[in-house]
Amino acid sequence: MHFPVLTKEVLEFLNPRLGENFIDCTVDGGGHAREILKKISPDGKLLGIDLDSEMIKNTRLEINDENLILVNENFKNLKKIIEEKKFSRVSGILIDLGWSSTQIEKSGRGFSFLKDEPLDMRYSSSGMTAAEAANQLSEKDLADIFWQYGEERFSRRIAKKIVEARKKKRILTTFDLVEAVKTAVPRSYERGRIHPATRVFQGLRIYVNQELENLKEVLPQAVEILAPGGRLAVISFHSLEDRIVKNFFREMKKEGRLEILTKKPVVPSDEEIKLNPRSRSAKLRVCRKI
């Protein structure tokens, strides 16, 4: 089951009201979208975007279709999407950078190192798969990906072992990759707080889906699209994303275009973390367009 994170806090900061128009750039299971729709209906509209067609197909929103527009697209094309849909007077935009429990548990695309699945990791059907990256990229490029996107301290050792492993047998599944990682890291690493392959999987997923580049592209578009006084909320799940959002907000504040509403990132309560342990790394930052 998918649990939207920081829902109460998102609603408080975005403050959706009757008749307003909102955009959910990562509609996912529809958790946040459903609550926003309740506040803006019957006259307000919500534009829901998701790169994963399965998420669009399985979004369950019991609401009049006239209030909801769903688009299977990359949010980096936000400006083009709203022009095509003639969607205007936007009071708020939400970008939730987390990925759904459904994607982890049921997609079969290799997002989890706990299941033996094809090593794909793409949100859509285009671009390089994680298996292609693991088998084709140079040792240096793999090490850079694990270090830059996964912040993995054993990045070079892991990249070297992957290259050695693929000479004997192509790395095609999640367990193939996990085995290569385990041969590269100290045994003590396996007894740590997180699985030894966690950061490698994160790095590959970010690389394959160009997640950080997409975030950098969508933020200025979101500010441009918002009506004066409109609010932008971003939920990130690791330091690389949060740093991009924080620096962008600060730069826009210096230019006099934004007011930052969250001096520090808002994090889940102990109660929410207890109910949904995956929410523990979530950070919410919100700004208002001047």
Protein backbone atom coordinates (compact mmCIF):
# COMPACT_ATOMS: atom_id res chain seq x y z
CA MET A 1 0.00 0.00 0.00
CA HIS A 2 1.27 3.48 -0.86
CA PHE A 3 1.47 6.03 1.97
CA PRO A 4 1.83 9.67 0.89
CA VAL A 5 4.30 11.40 3.19
CA LEU A 6 3.86 14.66 5.10
CA THR A 7 0.28 15.02 3.82
CA LYS A 8 -0.91 17.19 6.72
CA GLU A 9 2.10 19.49 6.38
CA VAL A 10 1.76 19.73 2.59
CA LEU A 11 -1.88 20.80 2.92
CA GLU A 12 -1.04 23.37 5.59
CA PHE A 13 1.68 25.02 3.51
CA LEU A 14 -0.03 24.83 0.10
CA ASN A 15 -3.38 25.84 1.63
CA PRO A 16 -5.56 24.70 -1.31
CA ARG A 17 -8.97 26.42 -1.42
CA LEU A 18 -12.21 26.14 -3.34
CA GLY A 19 -11.89 26.90 -7.03
CA GLU A 20 -8.08 26.99 -7.18
CA ASN A 21 -5.93 25.08 -9.71
CA PHE A 22 -3.05 22.87 -8.59
CA ILE A 23 -0.38 20.69 -10.17
CA ASP A 24 0.93 17.44 -8.69
CA CYS A 25 4.10 16.76 -10.68
CA THR A 26 4.43 13.21 -9.32
CA VAL A 27 0.85 12.03 -8.86
CA ASP A 28 2.00 8.49 -8.04
CA GLY A 29 -0.73 6.61 -6.10
CA GLY A 30 -2.82 9.77 -5.85
CA GLY A 31 -2.50 10.23 -2.08
CA HIS A 32 -1.62 13.93 -2.03
CA ALA A 33 -3.75 14.64 -5.12
CA ARG A 34 -6.85 13.18 -3.47
CA GLU A 35 -6.56 15.49 -0.46
CA ILE A 36 -5.90 18.56 -2.61
CA LEU A 37 -8.90 17.73 -4.81
CA LYS A 38 -11.14 17.60 -1.74
CA LYS A 39 -10.14 21.17 -0.91
CA ILE A 40 -10.44 22.70 -4.40
CA SER A 41 -13.56 20.90 -5.73
CA PRO A 42 -16.03 21.37 -7.30
CA ASP A 43 -14.65 24.26 -9.37
CA GLY A 44 -10.90 23.84 -8.97
CA LYS A 45 -8.82 21.56 -11.19
CA LEU A 46 -5.79 19.39 -10.58
CA LEU A 47 -3.21 18.45 -13.20
CA GLY A 48 -1.52 15.18 -12.22
CA ILE A 49 1.72 14.18 -13.95
CA ASP A 50 3.73 10.96 -13.71
CA LEU A 51 6.51 9.50 -15.84
CA ASP A 52 5.47 5.95 -14.91
CA SER A 53 2.47 4.93 -17.03
CA GLU A 54 1.58 2.23 -14.47
CA MET A 55 1.17 4.92 -11.82
CA ILE A 56 -1.20 6.86 -14.08
CA LYS A 57 -3.15 3.68 -14.89
CA ASN A 58 -3.51 2.69 -11.23
CA THR A 59 -4.21 6.11 -9.73
CA ARG A 60 -7.49 5.81 -7.86
CA LEU A 61 -9.13 9.17 -7.37
CA GLU A 62 -12.85 9.08 -6.68
CA ILE A 63 -13.57 12.49 -8.13
CA ASN A 64 -15.38 13.99 -11.10
CA ASP A 65 -13.15 13.60 -14.17
CA GLU A 66 -13.80 17.24 -15.03
CA ASN A 67 -11.71 18.23 -12.00
CA LEU A 68 -8.76 16.00 -12.86
CA ILE A 69 -6.32 15.90 -15.77
CA LEU A 70 -3.80 13.02 -15.76
CA VAL A 71 -0.73 13.12 -17.99
CA ASN A 72 1.91 10.41 -18.54
CA GLU A 73 4.95 12.63 -19.03
CA ASN A 74 8.25 13.75 -17.52
CA PHE A 75 7.77 16.73 -15.23
CA LYS A 76 10.87 18.33 -16.73
CA ASN A 77 8.49 19.23 -19.61
CA LEU A 78 6.12 21.05 -17.25
CA LYS A 79 5.78 24.24 -19.29
CA LYS A 80 5.00 22.31 -22.47
CA ILE A 81 2.43 20.16 -20.63
CA ILE A 82 0.45 23.10 -19.25
CA GLU A 83 0.49 24.82 -22.64
CA GLU A 84 -0.87 21.69 -24.32
CA LYS A 85 -3.55 21.24 -21.63
CA LYS A 86 -4.31 24.98 -21.48
CA PHE A 87 -3.90 24.80 -17.71
CA SER A 88 -3.57 28.25 -16.14
CA ARG A 89 -4.00 30.29 -12.93
CA VAL A 90 -1.90 27.84 -10.92
CA SER A 91 -2.11 28.44 -7.15
CA GLY A 92 0.18 25.63 -6.06
CA ILE A 93 2.59 22.99 -7.29
CA LEU A 94 3.73 19.85 -5.46
CA ILE A 95 6.80 17.83 -6.41
CA ASP A 96 7.17 14.65 -4.36
CA LEU A 97 10.48 13.06 -5.33
CA GLY A 98 9.83 9.79 -3.54
CA TRP A 99 8.95 6.59 -5.33
CA SER A 100 5.92 4.49 -4.67
CA SER A 101 5.74 1.34 -2.60
CA THR A 102 4.02 -0.15 -5.66
CA GLN A 103 7.13 0.50 -7.75
CA ILE A 104 9.28 -1.25 -5.18
CA GLU A 105 7.00 -4.19 -4.46
CA LYS A 106 5.15 -4.89 -7.70
CA SER A 107 6.75 -3.24 -10.72
CA GLY A 108 9.18 -6.09 -11.46
CA ARG A 109 11.71 -3.50 -12.66
CA GLY A 110 14.46 -4.14 -10.15
CA PHE A 111 14.10 -1.17 -7.82
CA SER A 112 14.65 -3.37 -4.75
CA PHE A 113 17.82 -5.27 -3.90
CA LEU A 114 15.70 -7.64 -1.80
CA LYS A 115 13.98 -9.22 -4.83
CA ASP A 116 15.55 -11.10 -7.73
CA GLU A 117 14.22 -9.16 -10.73
CA PRO A 118 15.48 -7.91 -14.12
CA LEU A 119 17.82 -4.97 -13.55
CA ASP A 120 15.83 -2.23 -15.26
CA MET A 121 15.14 0.63 -12.80
CA ARG A 122 13.55 2.92 -15.41
CA TYR A 123 10.32 4.76 -14.62
CA SER A 124 9.43 4.71 -18.31
CA SER A 125 10.27 2.42 -21.23
CA SER A 126 12.86 4.73 -22.81
CA GLY A 127 16.55 5.21 -22.16
CA MET A 128 19.33 2.99 -20.84
CA THR A 129 18.43 0.29 -18.32
CA ALA A 130 20.43 -0.25 -15.13
CA ALA A 131 21.65 -3.58 -16.56
CA GLU A 132 22.95 -1.84 -19.69
CA ALA A 133 24.73 0.71 -17.50
CA ALA A 134 26.28 -1.99 -15.31
CA ASN A 135 27.49 -3.97 -18.34
CA GLN A 136 28.54 -1.19 -20.71
CA LEU A 137 29.91 1.75 -18.73
CA SER A 138 33.59 2.00 -17.91
CA GLU A 139 34.92 1.28 -14.44
CA LYS A 140 35.57 5.00 -13.92
CA ASP A 141 32.07 6.01 -15.01
CA LEU A 142 30.47 3.44 -12.68
CA ALA A 143 32.63 4.61 -9.77
CA ASP A 144 31.62 8.23 -10.47
CA ILE A 145 27.92 7.28 -10.52
CA PHE A 146 28.14 5.41 -7.20
CA TRP A 147 30.11 8.26 -5.61
CA GLN A 148 28.21 11.26 -7.00
CA TYR A 149 24.66 9.89 -6.95
CA GLY A 150 24.91 7.27 -4.21
CA GLU A 151 27.57 8.87 -2.00
CA GLU A 152 29.09 5.39 -1.73
CA ARG A 153 32.52 5.46 -0.04
CA PHE A 154 33.56 2.12 -1.61
CA SER A 155 32.57 3.29 -5.10
CA ARG A 156 35.88 2.43 -6.76
CA ARG A 157 36.16 -1.02 -5.24
CA ILE A 158 32.55 -1.81 -6.18
CA ALA A 159 33.01 -0.56 -9.76
CA LYS A 160 36.13 -2.71 -10.12
CA LYS A 161 34.32 -5.85 -8.89
CA ILE A 162 31.36 -5.20 -11.22
CA VAL A 163 33.70 -4.98 -14.21
CA GLU A 164 35.42 -8.21 -13.13
CA ALA A 165 32.08 -9.97 -12.60
CA ARG A 166 30.62 -8.96 -15.96
CA LYS A 167 33.61 -10.46 -17.81
CA LYS A 168 32.53 -13.87 -16.52
CA LYS A 169 28.77 -13.35 -16.75
CA ARG A 170 26.58 -10.41 -17.74
CA ILE A 171 24.92 -8.63 -14.83
CA LEU A 172 21.23 -8.93 -15.69
CA THR A 173 19.36 -9.15 -12.39
CA THR A 174 19.26 -7.35 -9.07
CA PHE A 175 20.86 -10.32 -7.31
CA ASP A 176 23.70 -10.38 -9.88
CA LEU A 177 24.47 -6.79 -8.89
CA VAL A 178 24.08 -7.44 -5.16
CA GLU A 179 26.58 -10.33 -5.34
CA ALA A 180 29.14 -8.13 -7.08
CA VAL A 181 28.70 -5.42 -4.44
CA LYS A 182 29.07 -7.88 -1.56
CA THR A 183 32.40 -9.13 -2.90
CA ALA A 184 33.71 -5.55 -2.93
CA VAL A 185 32.83 -4.27 0.54
CA PRO A 186 34.18 -5.35 3.95
CA ARG A 187 32.11 -7.91 5.84
CA SER A 188 31.54 -5.39 8.60
CA TYR A 189 29.74 -3.22 6.02
CA GLU A 190 27.08 -5.93 5.68
CA ARG A 191 26.27 -5.61 9.36
CA GLY A 192 25.66 -1.88 9.09
CA ARG A 193 22.44 0.09 9.42
CA ILE A 194 21.61 -0.23 5.71
CA HIS A 195 21.99 -2.97 3.12
CA PRO A 196 25.46 -2.84 1.45
CA ALA A 197 23.86 -2.37 -2.00
CA THR A 198 21.60 0.53 -0.96
CA ARG A 199 23.76 3.37 -2.25
CA VAL A 200 24.75 1.52 -5.43
CA PHE A 201 21.09 0.96 -6.29
CA GLN A 202 20.31 4.60 -5.51
CA GLY A 203 23.14 5.82 -7.70
CA LEU A 204 22.15 3.66 -10.67
CA ARG A 205 18.47 4.61 -10.34
CA ILE A 206 19.26 8.33 -10.27
CA TYR A 207 21.62 7.97 -13.24
CA VAL A 208 19.26 5.89 -15.38
CA ASN A 209 16.31 8.23 -14.81
CA GLN A 210 18.35 11.47 -14.84
CA GLU A 211 16.56 12.42 -11.64
CA LEU A 212 18.76 15.32 -10.55
CA GLU A 213 18.87 16.86 -14.02
CA ASN A 214 15.08 16.65 -14.26
CA LEU A 215 14.71 18.36 -10.88
CA LYS A 216 17.02 21.19 -11.93
CA GLU A 217 14.95 21.66 -15.09
CA VAL A 218 11.51 21.68 -13.46
CA LEU A 219 12.15 24.13 -10.60
CA PRO A 220 12.50 27.34 -12.67
CA GLN A 221 9.53 26.30 -14.81
CA ALA A 222 7.40 25.81 -11.70
CA VAL A 223 8.21 29.31 -10.45
CA GLU A 224 7.41 30.80 -13.86
CA ILE A 225 4.07 28.95 -14.06
CA LEU A 226 2.84 29.87 -10.58
CA ALA A 227 0.46 32.80 -10.21
CA PRO A 228 1.71 35.60 -7.92
CA GLY A 229 1.29 34.37 -4.35
CA GLY A 230 1.29 30.75 -5.54
CA ARG A 231 3.23 28.17 -3.58
CA LEU A 232 5.73 25.49 -4.55
CA ALA A 233 6.28 22.49 -2.25
CA VAL A 234 9.07 19.95 -2.82
CA ILE A 235 9.53 16.71 -0.88
CA SER A 236 13.02 15.24 -1.26
CA PHE A 237 14.42 12.00 0.10
CA HIS A 238 18.18 12.36 0.06
CA SER A 239 20.77 15.07 0.50
CA LEU A 240 21.52 15.48 -3.22
CA GLU A 241 17.91 16.43 -4.03
CA ASP A 242 17.49 18.57 -0.91
CA ARG A 243 20.66 20.53 -1.68
CA ILE A 244 19.41 21.38 -5.18
CA VAL A 245 16.06 22.58 -3.82
CA LYS A 246 17.62 24.57 -0.96
CA ASN A 247 20.13 26.33 -3.24
CA PHE A 248 17.48 27.09 -5.87
CA PHE A 249 15.13 28.62 -3.28
CA ARG A 250 17.96 30.74 -1.86
CA GLU A 251 18.97 31.99 -5.30
CA MET A 252 15.39 32.92 -6.18
CA LYS A 253 15.03 34.70 -2.83
CA LYS A 254 18.15 36.76 -3.58
CA GLU A 255 16.59 37.76 -6.89
CA GLY A 256 13.44 38.83 -5.07
CA ARG A 257 11.25 36.26 -6.81
CA LEU A 258 10.46 33.94 -3.90
CA GLU A 259 9.71 34.03 -0.21
CA ILE A 260 10.94 30.92 1.61
CA LEU A 261 8.23 29.62 3.96
CA THR A 262 10.29 26.84 5.57
CA LYS A 263 13.45 28.17 7.24
CA LYS A 264 14.44 24.57 7.87
CA PRO A 265 13.12 21.51 6.03
CA VAL A 266 9.97 20.03 7.58
CA VAL A 267 10.41 16.37 8.50
CA PRO A 268 7.90 13.64 9.43
CA SER A 269 6.74 13.28 13.02
CA ASP A 270 7.76 10.28 15.10
CA GLU A 271 4.18 9.04 14.75
CA GLU A 272 4.31 9.14 10.94
CA ILE A 273 7.68 7.38 10.86
CA LYS A 274 6.26 4.65 13.09
CA LEU A 275 3.34 4.15 10.70
CA ASN A 276 5.48 4.46 7.57
CA PRO A 277 9.23 3.84 8.17
CA ARG A 278 10.03 4.80 4.55
CA SER A 279 9.03 8.39 5.35
CA ARG A 280 11.95 8.86 7.75
CA SER A 281 14.24 10.53 5.19
CA ALA A 282 11.59 12.89 3.73
CA LYS A 283 12.24 16.65 3.80
CA LEU A 284 9.69 19.26 2.77
CA ARG A 285 10.66 22.76 1.59
CA VAL A 286 8.07 25.33 0.54
CA CYS A 287 8.26 28.78 -1.05
CA ARG A 288 5.81 31.46 -2.21
CA LYS A 289 6.09 33.38 -5.48
CA ILE A 290 6.28 37.12 -4.95
